[in-house]
Amino acid sequence: MKSRILIIGACGQIGTELTAALRKRFGTDKVVASDIREGDEAMMAGGHFELLDATDYNAVEDVIFSYKVDTVYLMAAMLSAIAEKFPSKAWDLNMNSLFHVLNLAKEGKVRKVFWPSSIAVFGETTPSTNTPQTTVMEPSTVYGISKQTGERWCEYYHNKYGIDVRSIRYPGLISYTTEPGGGTTDYAVDIYHRALKHGEYRCFLQEGTTLPMMYMDDAIRATIGIMDADPADVKIRSSYNLAGVSYAPEEVVESIQKHLPDFKIAYEPDFRQAIADSWPQSIDDSMAQKDWGWSHEFDLDAITEIMLNNLKSRYA
């Protein structure tokens, strides 16, 4: 009887914490972590781990067969800022890895698939405030194009072949566990590190750039939540909007200054500003709330307190 979960891209920002959460819930024997590189000590010592290239169909198939995998979380991706520098590599990783997993599901070798999308699917023509679930999508980045395309393929495979594939559009994610991974919203993680290490931060986005953000615990809870939902309740098979809290860099500064009054920021926007300008400022996730009971828990001040408290020992 197939029973194991495979996480592809387990060493990334989301994958690291998702792996820990799934191991805690289901037991170390039931979860297989994999990535193209080895993880940290906790990852490697905590359960099954396989070196795996997500673009290698046969290798993915072998791991699924060897461990009798039932469910796949495909977290491997090249993020927005890095993808702009390596568009062909980003497309290859982001799209072919998805095709491999969807085709393995089509062949009956996997029962259920999770694939993450992103607010990067939206573009400058999208309504930027309370962005609706269904709206104009004209992404202007390599990452956004790959995610929009992936959404269409997920929906197609569900409608055409009955694949139980589920997805959410992550906003910017905040975590103290892993280092920033090359995304446009990474300033909202790096700023806490710099505040503690240097007492100042040079921000690659300009003041007033409001973006949707979410604390990682909320994101992990949403990921597991949609996978727990009854198939009949998952009515959207492209990807669900997901919202946490929206804010601009200066609001993070004000939140940090409640703990570190001398913290300073300088604004030096670079190419990532154009990416941020093409994304929504806030998200309407009422469909996720209605269909499978989603709600976020952490606001900005709660995120700041958690980030600073957990990073203090690193920079003491």
Protein backbone atom coordinates (compact mmCIF):
# COMPACT_ATOMS: atom_id res chain seq x y z
CA MET A 1 0.00 0.00 0.00
CA LYS A 2 1.45 3.35 -1.02
CA SER A 3 1.74 5.61 1.97
CA ARG A 4 4.72 7.95 1.84
CA ILE A 5 5.03 11.65 1.05
CA LEU A 6 7.82 12.97 -1.21
CA ILE A 7 8.94 16.59 -0.94
CA ILE A 8 10.91 17.74 -3.99
CA GLY A 9 12.91 20.88 -3.21
CA ALA A 10 12.98 20.16 0.51
CA CYS A 11 16.01 22.37 1.20
CA GLY A 12 14.40 25.60 -0.02
CA GLN A 13 12.78 28.31 2.08
CA ILE A 14 9.35 26.66 2.18
CA GLY A 15 10.54 23.08 1.77
CA THR A 16 12.71 23.15 4.89
CA GLU A 17 9.84 24.04 7.20
CA LEU A 18 7.28 21.97 5.32
CA THR A 19 9.50 18.90 5.71
CA ALA A 20 9.81 19.45 9.46
CA ALA A 21 6.04 19.96 9.81
CA LEU A 22 5.14 16.85 7.81
CA ARG A 23 7.71 14.70 9.64
CA LYS A 24 6.29 15.89 12.95
CA ARG A 25 2.74 15.10 11.89
CA PHE A 26 3.15 11.81 10.04
CA GLY A 27 6.41 10.42 11.47
CA THR A 28 9.89 10.38 10.01
CA ASP A 29 9.41 7.11 8.12
CA LYS A 30 6.43 8.47 6.18
CA VAL A 31 8.17 11.53 4.70
CA VAL A 32 10.94 11.50 2.09
CA ALA A 33 12.82 14.77 1.65
CA SER A 34 14.75 15.39 -1.58
CA ASP A 35 16.74 18.13 -3.25
CA ILE A 36 19.57 18.63 -5.71
CA ARG A 37 21.87 19.34 -2.74
CA GLU A 38 22.06 18.06 0.80
CA GLY A 39 20.18 19.91 3.52
CA ASP A 40 21.28 21.13 6.92
CA GLU A 41 22.08 18.81 9.80
CA ALA A 42 18.50 18.66 11.05
CA MET A 43 17.19 17.84 7.57
CA MET A 44 19.68 15.06 6.98
CA ALA A 45 19.39 13.51 10.45
CA GLY A 46 15.63 13.83 10.70
CA GLY A 47 14.51 11.15 8.26
CA HIS A 48 14.71 9.83 4.70
CA PHE A 49 16.63 12.05 2.26
CA GLU A 50 17.46 11.57 -1.42
CA LEU A 51 19.62 13.66 -3.73
CA LEU A 52 17.27 14.33 -6.63
CA ASP A 53 17.26 16.47 -9.77
CA ALA A 54 13.65 17.55 -10.25
CA THR A 55 14.20 17.87 -14.03
CA ASP A 56 15.19 14.18 -14.34
CA TYR A 57 11.98 12.23 -14.97
CA ASN A 58 13.53 8.80 -14.45
CA ALA A 59 15.17 9.83 -11.18
CA VAL A 60 11.90 11.22 -9.82
CA GLU A 61 10.07 8.07 -10.91
CA ASP A 62 12.71 5.86 -9.22
CA VAL A 63 12.36 7.64 -5.88
CA ILE A 64 8.57 7.44 -6.05
CA PHE A 65 8.76 3.70 -6.82
CA SER A 66 11.46 2.90 -4.25
CA TYR A 67 9.64 4.56 -1.35
CA LYS A 68 6.09 3.71 -2.45
CA VAL A 69 5.21 7.41 -2.58
CA ASP A 70 1.54 8.37 -2.57
CA THR A 71 1.69 12.17 -2.38
CA VAL A 72 4.16 14.66 -3.88
CA TYR A 73 4.82 18.23 -2.76
CA LEU A 74 6.73 19.82 -5.66
CA MET A 75 8.50 22.79 -4.05
CA ALA A 76 11.52 23.03 -6.38
CA ALA A 77 11.63 26.35 -8.29
CA MET A 78 13.89 29.17 -9.36
CA LEU A 79 12.53 32.37 -7.76
CA SER A 80 11.80 35.73 -9.34
CA ALA A 81 15.03 37.74 -9.07
CA ILE A 82 17.32 34.83 -10.00
CA ALA A 83 15.00 33.68 -12.79
CA GLU A 84 15.37 37.07 -14.49
CA LYS A 85 19.11 36.40 -14.79
CA PHE A 86 18.73 32.79 -15.99
CA PRO A 87 15.42 32.62 -17.88
CA SER A 88 16.07 29.39 -19.77
CA LYS A 89 17.22 27.52 -16.66
CA ALA A 90 14.27 28.88 -14.71
CA TRP A 91 11.79 27.70 -17.34
CA ASP A 92 13.42 24.27 -17.48
CA LEU A 93 13.27 23.76 -13.72
CA ASN A 94 9.90 25.38 -13.04
CA MET A 95 8.03 23.76 -15.92
CA ASN A 96 9.64 20.39 -16.62
CA SER A 97 9.60 19.39 -12.96
CA LEU A 98 5.84 20.03 -12.93
CA PHE A 99 5.28 18.05 -16.13
CA HIS A 100 7.19 15.10 -14.69
CA VAL A 101 5.07 14.95 -11.54
CA LEU A 102 1.77 15.52 -13.38
CA ASN A 103 2.61 12.78 -15.88
CA LEU A 104 3.56 10.37 -13.12
CA ALA A 105 0.17 11.11 -11.53
CA LYS A 106 -1.52 10.59 -14.89
CA GLU A 107 0.14 7.16 -15.08
CA GLY A 108 -1.28 6.29 -11.66
CA LYS A 109 2.06 6.32 -9.87
CA VAL A 110 1.09 9.22 -7.59
CA ARG A 111 -2.33 9.85 -6.03
CA LYS A 112 -2.13 13.50 -4.96
CA VAL A 113 0.05 16.49 -5.90
CA PHE A 114 0.75 19.87 -4.34
CA TRP A 115 2.35 22.55 -6.52
CA PRO A 116 2.90 26.14 -5.33
CA SER A 117 1.98 29.15 -7.42
CA SER A 118 2.64 32.79 -6.54
CA ILE A 119 1.33 36.35 -6.67
CA ALA A 120 3.87 36.67 -9.53
CA VAL A 121 1.14 35.33 -11.87
CA PHE A 122 -0.39 38.81 -11.77
CA GLY A 123 0.87 41.81 -13.73
CA GLU A 124 0.57 45.56 -14.13
CA THR A 125 -2.91 45.25 -15.68
CA THR A 126 -4.23 43.25 -12.71
CA PRO A 127 -6.33 45.18 -10.15
CA SER A 128 -3.71 45.83 -7.48
CA THR A 129 -5.99 46.21 -4.42
CA ASN A 130 -7.85 43.15 -3.15
CA THR A 131 -6.80 41.30 -6.28
CA PRO A 132 -9.68 38.91 -7.12
CA GLN A 133 -9.33 35.15 -7.46
CA THR A 134 -10.22 35.35 -11.15
CA THR A 135 -8.85 38.40 -12.92
CA VAL A 136 -6.52 39.69 -15.63
CA MET A 137 -3.14 37.91 -15.60
CA GLU A 138 -0.33 39.39 -17.67
CA PRO A 139 2.88 38.55 -15.77
CA SER A 140 5.99 40.38 -16.92
CA THR A 141 8.62 38.16 -15.25
CA VAL A 142 10.06 34.76 -16.15
CA TYR A 143 8.95 33.42 -12.77
CA GLY A 144 5.43 34.78 -13.18
CA ILE A 145 5.11 33.40 -16.71
CA SER A 146 6.15 29.94 -15.53
CA LYS A 147 3.73 30.04 -12.61
CA GLN A 148 0.80 31.21 -14.74
CA THR A 149 1.56 28.48 -17.27
CA GLY A 150 1.83 25.93 -14.47
CA GLU A 151 -1.59 26.90 -13.16
CA ARG A 152 -3.12 26.25 -16.55
CA TRP A 153 -1.46 22.84 -16.79
CA CYS A 154 -2.58 21.87 -13.29
CA GLU A 155 -6.18 22.72 -14.15
CA TYR A 156 -5.89 20.93 -17.50
CA TYR A 157 -4.55 17.72 -15.95
CA HIS A 158 -7.31 17.78 -13.34
CA ASN A 159 -10.07 18.34 -15.89
CA LYS A 160 -8.67 16.01 -18.56
CA TYR A 161 -7.21 13.17 -16.48
CA GLY A 162 -8.80 13.58 -13.04
CA ILE A 163 -5.48 14.32 -11.31
CA ASP A 164 -5.92 15.46 -7.70
CA VAL A 165 -3.58 18.45 -7.93
CA ARG A 166 -3.88 21.35 -5.47
CA SER A 167 -2.21 24.75 -5.40
CA ILE A 168 -2.06 28.08 -3.61
CA ARG A 169 -0.59 31.42 -4.71
CA TYR A 170 1.93 32.30 -2.03
CA PRO A 171 2.55 35.95 -1.18
CA GLY A 172 6.00 36.99 0.10
CA LEU A 173 7.03 34.63 2.90
CA ILE A 174 8.81 35.55 6.13
CA SER A 175 10.92 33.07 8.10
CA TYR A 176 13.95 33.04 10.38
CA THR A 177 14.80 29.40 9.62
CA THR A 178 16.35 29.76 6.17
CA GLU A 179 18.26 32.49 4.36
CA PRO A 180 16.53 34.55 1.62
CA GLY A 181 16.34 32.54 -1.60
CA GLY A 182 16.37 35.05 -4.46
CA GLY A 183 12.86 36.43 -4.41
CA THR A 184 11.71 40.03 -4.79
CA THR A 185 10.00 39.98 -1.40
CA ASP A 186 13.20 38.79 0.30
CA TYR A 187 13.86 42.28 1.65
CA ALA A 188 11.21 41.53 4.27
CA VAL A 189 13.39 38.70 5.62
CA ASP A 190 16.82 40.26 5.13
CA ILE A 191 15.79 43.48 6.89
CA TYR A 192 15.59 41.65 10.25
CA HIS A 193 19.03 40.13 9.81
CA ARG A 194 20.53 43.53 8.95
CA ALA A 195 18.71 45.26 11.79
CA LEU A 196 20.34 42.96 14.33
CA LYS A 197 23.74 42.67 12.63
CA HIS A 198 24.33 46.23 11.41
CA GLY A 199 21.54 48.42 12.81
CA GLU A 200 20.74 49.62 9.28
CA TYR A 201 19.44 48.29 5.98
CA ARG A 202 19.79 49.32 2.33
CA CYS A 203 16.48 48.41 0.73
CA PHE A 204 16.29 47.40 -2.94
CA LEU A 205 12.63 48.53 -3.02
CA GLN A 206 11.52 52.12 -2.64
CA GLU A 207 9.44 53.55 0.16
CA GLY A 208 5.71 53.00 -0.34
CA THR A 209 6.06 49.65 -2.15
CA THR A 210 3.22 47.71 -0.55
CA LEU A 211 3.24 43.95 -1.12
CA PRO A 212 1.30 40.98 0.30
CA MET A 213 3.32 39.07 2.92
CA MET A 214 2.82 36.08 5.20
CA TYR A 215 4.62 34.49 8.13
CA MET A 216 5.90 31.02 7.22
CA ASP A 217 3.84 29.20 9.87
CA ASP A 218 0.69 30.50 8.18
CA ALA A 219 1.98 29.36 4.77
CA ILE A 220 2.78 25.87 6.04
CA ARG A 221 -0.62 25.64 7.73
CA ALA A 222 -2.31 26.68 4.46
CA THR A 223 -0.28 24.14 2.46
CA ILE A 224 -1.21 21.26 4.73
CA GLY A 225 -4.75 22.60 5.07
CA ILE A 226 -5.54 22.47 1.37
CA MET A 227 -4.03 18.99 1.13
CA ASP A 228 -6.20 17.84 4.06
CA ALA A 229 -9.37 19.21 2.47
CA ASP A 230 -11.97 16.90 1.00
CA PRO A 231 -11.47 16.75 -2.79
CA ALA A 232 -15.02 18.02 -3.30
CA ASP A 233 -14.18 21.19 -1.32
CA VAL A 234 -11.18 22.03 -3.54
CA LYS A 235 -13.18 23.71 -6.27
CA ILE A 236 -10.33 25.69 -7.87
CA ARG A 237 -7.72 23.51 -9.55
CA SER A 238 -5.53 26.21 -11.04
CA SER A 239 -4.44 27.90 -7.78
CA TYR A 240 -6.09 29.65 -4.82
CA ASN A 241 -5.37 33.23 -3.79
CA LEU A 242 -3.80 33.32 -0.32
CA ALA A 243 -3.46 36.45 1.83
CA GLY A 244 -1.77 37.34 5.07
CA VAL A 245 -0.84 40.97 5.74
CA SER A 246 0.16 43.69 3.26
CA TYR A 247 2.77 46.34 4.08
CA ALA A 248 5.53 48.57 2.68
CA PRO A 249 9.21 48.72 3.80
CA GLU A 250 8.68 51.77 6.01
CA GLU A 251 6.02 49.90 7.97
CA VAL A 252 8.51 47.11 8.70
CA VAL A 253 10.96 49.78 9.85
CA GLU A 254 8.39 51.23 12.25
CA SER A 255 7.67 47.76 13.59
CA ILE A 256 11.37 47.01 14.11
CA GLN A 257 11.97 50.38 15.77
CA LYS A 258 9.55 49.40 18.55
CA HIS A 259 12.31 46.94 19.58
CA LEU A 260 15.41 48.65 18.10
CA PRO A 261 14.78 52.42 18.20
CA ASP A 262 18.06 53.33 16.46
CA PHE A 263 17.43 51.14 13.40
CA LYS A 264 17.77 53.06 10.10
CA ILE A 265 16.94 52.38 6.47
CA ALA A 266 18.18 53.76 3.14
CA TYR A 267 16.28 53.22 -0.11
CA GLU A 268 18.33 52.11 -3.14
CA PRO A 269 15.87 50.53 -5.60
CA ASP A 270 17.28 48.18 -8.25
CA PHE A 271 15.79 45.96 -10.98
CA ARG A 272 13.55 44.26 -8.42
CA GLN A 273 11.52 47.46 -8.08
CA ALA A 274 9.97 46.89 -11.51
CA ILE A 275 9.06 43.34 -10.52
CA ALA A 276 7.43 44.53 -7.30
CA ASP A 277 5.53 47.27 -9.16
CA SER A 278 3.91 44.61 -11.36
CA TRP A 279 2.53 42.68 -8.36
CA PRO A 280 -0.62 43.26 -6.28
CA GLN A 281 -0.67 45.32 -3.10
CA SER A 282 -3.30 43.18 -1.39
CA ILE A 283 -5.09 39.91 -2.12
CA ASP A 284 -8.69 38.76 -1.87
CA ASP A 285 -8.54 35.18 -0.57
CA SER A 286 -12.25 34.80 0.20
CA MET A 287 -12.50 31.71 -2.01
CA ALA A 288 -9.89 29.85 0.08
CA GLN A 289 -11.72 30.94 3.22
CA LYS A 290 -15.06 29.72 1.85
CA ASP A 291 -13.95 26.46 0.22
CA TRP A 292 -11.54 24.96 2.76
CA GLY A 293 -11.63 27.19 5.82
CA TRP A 294 -8.42 29.19 5.40
CA SER A 295 -7.54 32.15 7.67
CA HIS A 296 -4.21 33.74 8.59
CA GLU A 297 -3.04 34.31 12.19
CA PHE A 298 0.08 36.53 12.20
CA ASP A 299 0.12 40.33 11.73
CA LEU A 300 3.23 42.48 11.11
CA ASP A 301 4.08 43.21 14.75
CA ALA A 302 3.75 39.53 15.64
CA ILE A 303 6.05 38.62 12.74
CA THR A 304 8.61 41.23 13.83
CA GLU A 305 8.68 40.00 17.41
CA ILE A 306 9.13 36.39 16.32
CA MET A 307 11.86 37.24 13.79
CA LEU A 308 13.90 39.40 16.15
CA ASN A 309 13.58 37.04 19.11
CA ASN A 310 14.70 34.04 17.09
CA LEU A 311 17.55 35.80 15.24
CA LYS A 312 19.03 37.55 18.32
CA SER A 313 21.21 34.63 19.34
CA ARG A 314 22.76 34.46 15.86
CA TYR A 315 24.03 38.04 16.10
CA ALA A 316 24.66 38.29 19.85
